[in-house]
């Protein structure tokens, strides 16, 4: 199945080439599978060549085509080279998905500047580099769609992941700025940012940690295929921002209304909420600086509690809904108060009644 970009007319090339960073595991791998089922040509980008080759085989089995372009997204020249290889193999790039990320579980005072920098370079600058690479191939043709994989944590930071939360906040500001630049030049290129809930991926098995027990996602948790479906639908029906899961709505809207309350609430619950009962072993490997080859897969180990479906809403609609609801509540409350006041006035005794009562007394 092939889809056309909004506004494409007769004779223009159909939308069918997608490049995905972070494609070797988790959400990125699930996104590759989803596009493969629709027969897309897929450029797979990540650090581990062997893991990418495995994904490429899965893509072909599902009905898609694949080219492997290994690169660390923190290295802009390597990523630009990967984009060139994909565009050369498939004749262009129609959709670019920025998904690559790394994180670390630790209070900021237990992190080194090098660790913080690495998370920022991959999770934030990786999306900057990916956007630059995509625009190099999209702007000459004035078409294309860039998908930024964000997080509810782009609006509300939580303890133990300060570098990751900072990167997700930065992605949102960067994307808003680039969108306005494209609008200024009248570009037809679309940008969508997807704000994710907790997802059952291998990141909790290979993220660096200085906590005494193994990391886990903050409940509720969703399977990566839920995100992949939402990404594919966002390409078919472009939207500015997409919020996935009611937990994402609650976090974002709650932080808008009660940020100080959430500060105290998360300080109490989010430490235990990000740990299992299993101690961290001394032999635990992490992927902060180099890949962990043995753990590349789509899902993590929290499948028993992970949901297969989630509410998906436009960020704009989700923001307006509480305002509309609040406005309706205020209107009804005002009408009821007015009725009570009117009733009180009607039941108030007249001057004559007061005078008769006084004379009787």
Protein backbone atom coordinates (compact mmCIF):
# COMPACT_ATOMS: atom_id res chain seq x y z
CA UNK A 1 0.00 0.00 0.00
CA UNK A 2 1.31 3.43 -0.91
CA UNK A 3 0.22 6.76 0.48
CA UNK A 4 0.62 10.25 -0.90
CA UNK A 5 1.74 13.31 0.95
CA UNK A 6 -1.01 15.86 1.58
CA UNK A 7 -1.26 18.10 -1.43
CA UNK A 8 0.44 15.71 -3.86
CA UNK A 9 -1.10 15.75 -7.27
CA UNK A 10 -1.07 13.61 -10.36
CA UNK A 11 2.36 12.46 -11.49
CA UNK A 12 4.15 13.18 -8.21
CA UNK A 13 6.13 10.42 -6.50
CA UNK A 14 4.20 8.37 -3.93
CA UNK A 15 5.25 8.32 -0.28
CA UNK A 16 7.16 5.10 0.35
CA UNK A 17 10.67 5.62 1.79
CA UNK A 18 11.22 5.98 5.54
CA UNK A 19 14.48 6.36 7.47
CA UNK A 20 14.43 5.35 11.15
CA UNK A 21 17.09 6.09 13.75
CA UNK A 22 17.30 3.82 16.76
CA UNK A 23 15.96 1.07 14.50
CA UNK A 24 17.79 -1.83 16.14
CA UNK A 25 15.52 -2.22 19.18
CA UNK A 26 12.42 -1.10 21.02
CA UNK A 27 10.16 1.54 19.49
CA UNK A 28 12.41 2.02 16.43
CA UNK A 29 12.32 -1.68 15.61
CA UNK A 30 8.53 -1.79 16.05
CA UNK A 31 8.17 1.21 13.72
CA UNK A 32 10.27 -0.59 11.09
CA UNK A 33 7.97 -3.62 11.36
CA UNK A 34 4.85 -1.47 10.99
CA UNK A 35 6.05 0.25 7.83
CA UNK A 36 7.33 -3.04 6.43
CA UNK A 37 3.82 -4.52 6.62
CA UNK A 38 2.72 -1.77 4.22
CA UNK A 39 5.51 -2.55 1.74
CA UNK A 40 7.65 0.53 2.45
CA UNK A 41 11.35 0.89 1.69
CA UNK A 42 13.09 1.35 5.01
CA UNK A 43 16.48 2.81 5.90
CA UNK A 44 17.64 1.36 9.22
CA UNK A 45 20.01 3.48 11.32
CA UNK A 46 21.67 2.52 14.62
CA UNK A 47 25.16 1.74 15.93
CA UNK A 48 25.14 -2.08 15.84
CA UNK A 49 25.46 -3.49 12.30
CA UNK A 50 24.60 -7.04 13.35
CA UNK A 51 21.38 -5.94 15.06
CA UNK A 52 20.39 -3.86 12.03
CA UNK A 53 20.94 -6.83 9.72
CA UNK A 54 18.56 -8.84 11.89
CA UNK A 55 15.94 -6.09 11.62
CA UNK A 56 16.48 -5.92 7.85
CA UNK A 57 15.68 -9.62 7.57
CA UNK A 58 12.50 -9.10 9.60
CA UNK A 59 11.51 -6.18 7.36
CA UNK A 60 11.90 -8.29 4.22
CA UNK A 61 9.91 -11.15 5.74
CA UNK A 62 7.09 -8.71 6.49
CA UNK A 63 6.95 -7.43 2.92
CA UNK A 64 9.20 -4.37 2.98
CA UNK A 65 12.62 -3.53 1.59
CA UNK A 66 15.54 -2.51 3.79
CA UNK A 67 18.98 -0.98 3.65
CA UNK A 68 21.30 -0.93 6.65
CA UNK A 69 23.16 2.32 7.36
CA UNK A 70 25.05 2.00 10.65
CA UNK A 71 25.81 5.30 12.39
CA UNK A 72 25.96 6.89 15.82
CA UNK A 73 23.43 9.74 15.73
CA UNK A 74 25.72 11.79 17.98
CA UNK A 75 28.17 11.94 15.05
CA UNK A 76 26.59 14.33 12.49
CA UNK A 77 28.86 13.40 9.60
CA UNK A 78 28.21 9.70 10.12
CA UNK A 79 24.48 10.36 10.19
CA UNK A 80 24.60 12.54 7.09
CA UNK A 81 26.46 9.70 5.37
CA UNK A 82 23.77 7.22 6.43
CA UNK A 83 21.08 9.50 4.99
CA UNK A 84 23.00 9.71 1.71
CA UNK A 85 23.26 5.93 1.53
CA UNK A 86 19.51 5.50 2.09
CA UNK A 87 18.57 8.20 -0.41
CA UNK A 88 20.94 6.70 -3.00
CA UNK A 89 19.54 3.19 -2.50
CA UNK A 90 15.86 4.18 -2.65
CA UNK A 91 15.84 7.38 -4.70
CA UNK A 92 15.04 9.78 -1.85
CA UNK A 93 13.64 10.01 1.68
CA UNK A 94 9.97 10.76 2.26
CA UNK A 95 9.68 10.21 6.01
CA UNK A 96 12.36 10.49 8.67
CA UNK A 97 11.75 9.14 12.20
CA UNK A 98 14.08 10.38 14.96
CA UNK A 99 13.90 7.70 17.62
CA UNK A 100 17.44 7.01 18.91
CA UNK A 101 17.96 7.59 22.63
CA UNK A 102 19.99 6.60 25.67
CA UNK A 103 19.32 7.31 29.33
CA UNK A 104 20.70 6.76 32.81
CA UNK A 105 19.07 6.17 36.19
CA UNK A 106 20.80 8.20 38.89
CA UNK A 107 20.50 11.45 40.83
CA UNK A 108 22.37 14.19 39.01
CA UNK A 109 25.03 14.37 41.74
CA UNK A 110 25.92 10.74 41.01
CA UNK A 111 26.45 11.41 37.29
CA UNK A 112 29.61 12.59 35.60
CA UNK A 113 29.64 15.45 33.10
CA UNK A 114 30.68 12.95 30.43
CA UNK A 115 27.62 10.77 31.09
CA UNK A 116 25.28 13.75 31.03
CA UNK A 117 26.87 15.00 27.81
CA UNK A 118 26.56 11.60 26.13
CA UNK A 119 22.83 11.35 26.90
CA UNK A 120 22.33 14.87 25.57
CA UNK A 121 24.35 14.19 22.42
CA UNK A 122 22.38 11.06 21.53
CA UNK A 123 18.88 11.88 22.76
CA UNK A 124 18.76 15.59 21.85
CA UNK A 125 21.52 16.34 19.34
CA UNK A 126 20.79 13.03 17.63
CA UNK A 127 17.37 14.42 16.71
CA UNK A 128 18.91 17.73 15.67
CA UNK A 129 21.38 15.91 13.40
CA UNK A 130 18.61 13.66 12.07
CA UNK A 131 16.40 16.65 11.27
CA UNK A 132 19.28 18.35 9.48
CA UNK A 133 19.98 15.19 7.49
CA UNK A 134 16.32 14.82 6.54
CA UNK A 135 15.99 18.46 5.46
CA UNK A 136 19.01 18.12 3.17
CA UNK A 137 17.00 15.61 1.16
CA UNK A 138 13.50 17.03 1.60
CA UNK A 139 13.91 20.76 1.04
CA UNK A 140 15.12 20.53 -2.59
CA UNK A 141 11.86 18.71 -3.43
CA UNK A 142 9.68 20.65 -0.92
CA UNK A 143 8.10 17.51 0.46
CA UNK A 144 8.53 15.10 3.34
CA UNK A 145 7.57 14.43 6.93
CA UNK A 146 9.82 14.38 10.00
CA UNK A 147 8.62 12.50 13.08
CA UNK A 148 10.22 13.31 16.44
CA UNK A 149 9.82 10.64 19.09
CA UNK A 150 9.30 12.65 22.24
CA UNK A 151 7.92 11.86 25.67
CA UNK A 152 5.49 13.07 28.31
CA UNK A 153 8.74 13.91 30.12
CA UNK A 154 9.21 16.72 27.60
CA UNK A 155 6.68 18.59 29.74
CA UNK A 156 7.34 17.17 33.20
CA UNK A 157 10.78 16.13 34.44
CA UNK A 158 11.03 13.22 36.87
CA UNK A 159 13.78 12.21 39.29
CA UNK A 160 16.61 9.84 38.29
CA UNK A 161 16.51 10.81 34.59
CA UNK A 162 17.50 14.49 34.55
CA UNK A 163 19.61 14.28 31.38
CA UNK A 164 16.92 12.39 29.45
CA UNK A 165 14.16 14.76 30.60
CA UNK A 166 16.29 17.77 29.68
CA UNK A 167 16.90 16.31 26.22
CA UNK A 168 13.19 15.69 25.64
CA UNK A 169 12.35 19.25 26.71
CA UNK A 170 14.98 20.52 24.26
CA UNK A 171 13.56 18.45 21.40
CA UNK A 172 10.20 20.14 21.81
CA UNK A 173 11.69 23.65 21.70
CA UNK A 174 13.90 22.77 18.74
CA UNK A 175 11.00 21.25 16.79
CA UNK A 176 8.77 24.28 17.38
CA UNK A 177 11.54 26.58 16.11
CA UNK A 178 12.20 24.52 12.97
CA UNK A 179 8.49 24.30 12.22
CA UNK A 180 8.19 28.09 12.22
CA UNK A 181 11.22 28.39 9.93
CA UNK A 182 9.61 26.01 7.44
CA UNK A 183 6.31 27.87 7.65
CA UNK A 184 8.12 31.15 7.02
CA UNK A 185 9.47 29.90 3.70
CA UNK A 186 6.13 28.33 2.74
CA UNK A 187 7.50 24.79 2.89
CA UNK A 188 5.25 21.75 2.50
CA UNK A 189 7.49 19.67 4.81
CA UNK A 190 5.64 18.47 7.91
CA UNK A 191 6.96 18.05 11.45
CA UNK A 192 5.18 15.94 14.07
CA UNK A 193 6.28 15.32 17.63
CA UNK A 194 4.96 12.20 19.38
CA UNK A 195 4.74 12.44 23.19
CA UNK A 196 5.07 8.91 24.57
CA UNK A 197 4.07 7.18 27.82
CA UNK A 198 6.23 4.49 29.43
CA UNK A 199 6.99 1.77 26.89
CA UNK A 200 8.09 -1.85 27.35
CA UNK A 201 11.46 -1.74 25.57
CA UNK A 202 14.91 -3.18 26.35
CA UNK A 203 16.17 0.21 27.56
CA UNK A 204 15.48 -0.82 31.17
CA UNK A 205 17.77 -3.82 30.74
CA UNK A 206 20.70 -1.89 29.29
CA UNK A 207 20.44 1.71 30.51
CA UNK A 208 23.27 2.72 32.83
CA UNK A 209 22.16 2.90 36.47
CA UNK A 210 23.58 3.77 39.86
CA UNK A 211 20.48 2.66 41.72
CA UNK A 212 20.65 -0.45 43.93
CA UNK A 213 17.84 -2.26 42.09
CA UNK A 214 17.08 -2.87 38.40
CA UNK A 215 15.24 -0.06 36.57
CA UNK A 216 11.69 -0.31 35.35
CA UNK A 217 9.22 1.92 33.46
CA UNK A 218 6.78 4.02 35.47
CA UNK A 219 3.33 2.41 35.22
CA UNK A 220 1.17 2.29 33.18
CA UNK A 221 3.30 0.64 30.49
CA UNK A 222 2.53 0.09 26.79
CA UNK A 223 3.95 -2.21 24.15
CA UNK A 224 6.17 -0.61 21.48
CA UNK A 225 3.73 -1.68 18.76
CA UNK A 226 1.22 0.83 20.19
CA UNK A 227 3.68 3.61 19.42
CA UNK A 228 4.47 2.19 15.99
CA UNK A 229 0.79 2.24 15.01
CA UNK A 230 0.46 5.84 16.19
CA UNK A 231 3.53 6.88 14.20
CA UNK A 232 2.21 5.26 11.03
CA UNK A 233 -1.16 6.98 11.46
CA UNK A 234 0.60 10.32 12.04
CA UNK A 235 2.26 9.89 8.64
CA UNK A 236 -1.04 9.05 6.98
CA UNK A 237 -2.85 11.93 8.71
CA UNK A 238 -0.25 14.53 9.71
CA UNK A 239 -0.72 16.38 12.98
CA UNK A 240 1.44 18.90 14.77
CA UNK A 241 1.68 16.95 18.02
CA UNK A 242 0.35 13.59 19.19
CA UNK A 243 -0.13 12.50 22.80
CA UNK A 244 -0.23 8.74 23.39
CA UNK A 245 -1.94 7.25 26.44
CA UNK A 246 -4.13 8.77 29.14
CA UNK A 247 -1.07 8.80 31.41
CA UNK A 248 0.60 11.24 29.02
CA UNK A 249 -2.47 13.48 29.06
CA UNK A 250 -2.57 13.41 32.86
CA UNK A 251 1.14 14.20 33.21
CA UNK A 252 1.13 17.09 30.73
CA UNK A 253 -2.15 18.68 31.77
CA UNK A 254 -1.47 18.04 35.44
CA UNK A 255 1.86 19.79 35.21
CA UNK A 256 0.20 22.77 33.53
CA UNK A 257 -2.25 23.11 36.43
CA UNK A 258 -0.34 21.88 39.51
CA UNK A 259 3.43 21.83 38.91
CA UNK A 260 4.39 22.33 42.57
CA UNK A 261 2.08 19.48 43.64
CA UNK A 262 3.72 17.20 41.08
CA UNK A 263 7.15 18.19 42.40
CA UNK A 264 6.26 16.82 45.82
CA UNK A 265 4.27 13.86 44.50
CA UNK A 266 7.07 12.64 42.22
CA UNK A 267 9.65 13.15 44.96
CA UNK A 268 7.65 10.63 47.02
CA UNK A 269 6.67 8.03 44.45
CA UNK A 270 8.94 8.22 41.38
CA UNK A 271 12.05 6.71 42.99
CA UNK A 272 10.40 3.41 43.91
CA UNK A 273 8.27 3.66 40.77
CA UNK A 274 11.38 3.31 38.64
CA UNK A 275 12.90 0.31 40.45
CA UNK A 276 12.09 -3.38 40.64
CA UNK A 277 12.85 -5.61 43.62
CA UNK A 278 15.76 -7.22 41.74
CA UNK A 279 19.25 -6.04 42.75
CA UNK A 280 21.61 -4.73 40.08
CA UNK A 281 24.30 -7.30 39.35
CA UNK A 282 27.97 -6.43 39.20
CA UNK A 283 28.14 -7.80 35.65
CA UNK A 284 25.38 -5.55 34.26
CA UNK A 285 26.34 -4.11 30.84
CA UNK A 286 24.98 -0.81 29.58
CA UNK A 287 24.66 0.83 26.16
CA UNK A 288 25.53 4.42 27.06
CA UNK A 289 28.84 4.46 25.21
CA UNK A 290 28.74 1.23 23.18
CA UNK A 291 25.95 -1.14 22.07
CA UNK A 292 24.97 -4.23 24.07
CA UNK A 293 24.62 -6.76 21.28
CA UNK A 294 22.80 -9.50 23.20
CA UNK A 295 19.79 -7.36 24.16
CA UNK A 296 18.59 -6.04 20.80
CA UNK A 297 14.90 -6.88 20.55
CA UNK A 298 11.56 -5.08 20.21
CA UNK A 299 10.03 -5.70 23.64
CA UNK A 300 11.43 -5.56 27.14
CA UNK A 301 10.64 -7.80 30.13
CA UNK A 302 7.50 -6.03 31.34
CA UNK A 303 5.11 -7.60 28.85
CA UNK A 304 2.74 -8.99 31.50
CA UNK A 305 1.71 -5.49 32.53
CA UNK A 306 2.08 -3.73 29.16
CA UNK A 307 -1.05 -2.61 27.33
CA UNK A 308 -1.67 -3.30 23.65
CA UNK A 309 -3.89 -0.27 23.09
CA UNK A 310 -3.76 3.39 24.11
CA UNK A 311 -5.77 6.56 23.64
CA UNK A 312 -4.13 8.68 20.92
CA UNK A 313 -5.05 12.36 20.76
CA UNK A 314 -3.90 15.52 19.06
CA UNK A 315 -2.00 17.71 21.49
CA UNK A 316 -4.01 20.74 20.43
CA UNK A 317 -7.35 19.05 21.09
CA UNK A 318 -6.12 17.68 24.41
CA UNK A 319 -5.11 21.15 25.56
CA UNK A 320 -8.44 22.71 24.56
CA UNK A 321 -10.62 20.00 26.15
CA UNK A 322 -9.90 20.93 29.80
CA UNK A 323 -10.49 24.59 28.96
CA UNK A 324 -13.83 23.79 27.36
CA UNK A 325 -14.83 21.51 30.23
CA UNK A 326 -13.76 24.12 32.76
CA UNK A 327 -15.68 26.78 30.87
CA UNK A 328 -18.83 24.62 30.80
CA UNK A 329 -18.54 23.87 34.52
CA UNK A 330 -18.08 27.57 35.28
CA UNK A 331 -21.08 28.44 33.07
CA UNK A 332 -23.35 25.88 34.76
CA UNK A 333 -22.15 26.96 38.21
CA UNK A 334 -22.87 30.58 37.29
CA UNK A 335 -26.36 29.74 36.07
CA UNK A 336 -27.16 27.78 39.24
CA UNK A 337 -25.86 30.60 41.41
CA UNK A 338 -27.97 33.10 39.46
CA UNK A 339 -31.07 30.91 39.97
CA UNK A 340 -30.39 30.70 43.68
CA UNK A 341 -30.03 34.48 43.92
CA UNK A 342 -33.21 35.00 41.91
CA UNK A 343 -35.10 32.56 44.12
CA UNK A 344 -33.82 34.33 47.23
CA UNK A 345 -35.09 37.67 45.93
CA UNK A 346 -38.53 36.20 45.16
CA UNK A 347 -38.89 34.68 48.63
CA UNK A 348 -37.81 37.88 50.40
CA UNK A 349 -40.85 39.43 52.21
CA UNK A 350 -42.26 42.70 50.88
CA UNK A 351 -42.25 45.99 52.84
CA UNK A 352 -45.92 45.49 53.69
CA UNK A 353 -45.30 42.02 55.06
CA UNK A 354 -42.42 43.31 57.18
CA UNK A 355 -44.63 46.16 58.50
CA UNK A 356 -47.52 43.83 59.46
CA UNK A 357 -45.13 41.55 61.22
CA UNK A 358 -43.64 44.48 63.12
CA UNK A 359 -47.08 45.81 64.18
CA UNK A 360 -48.10 42.39 65.41
CA UNK A 361 -45.00 42.28 67.52
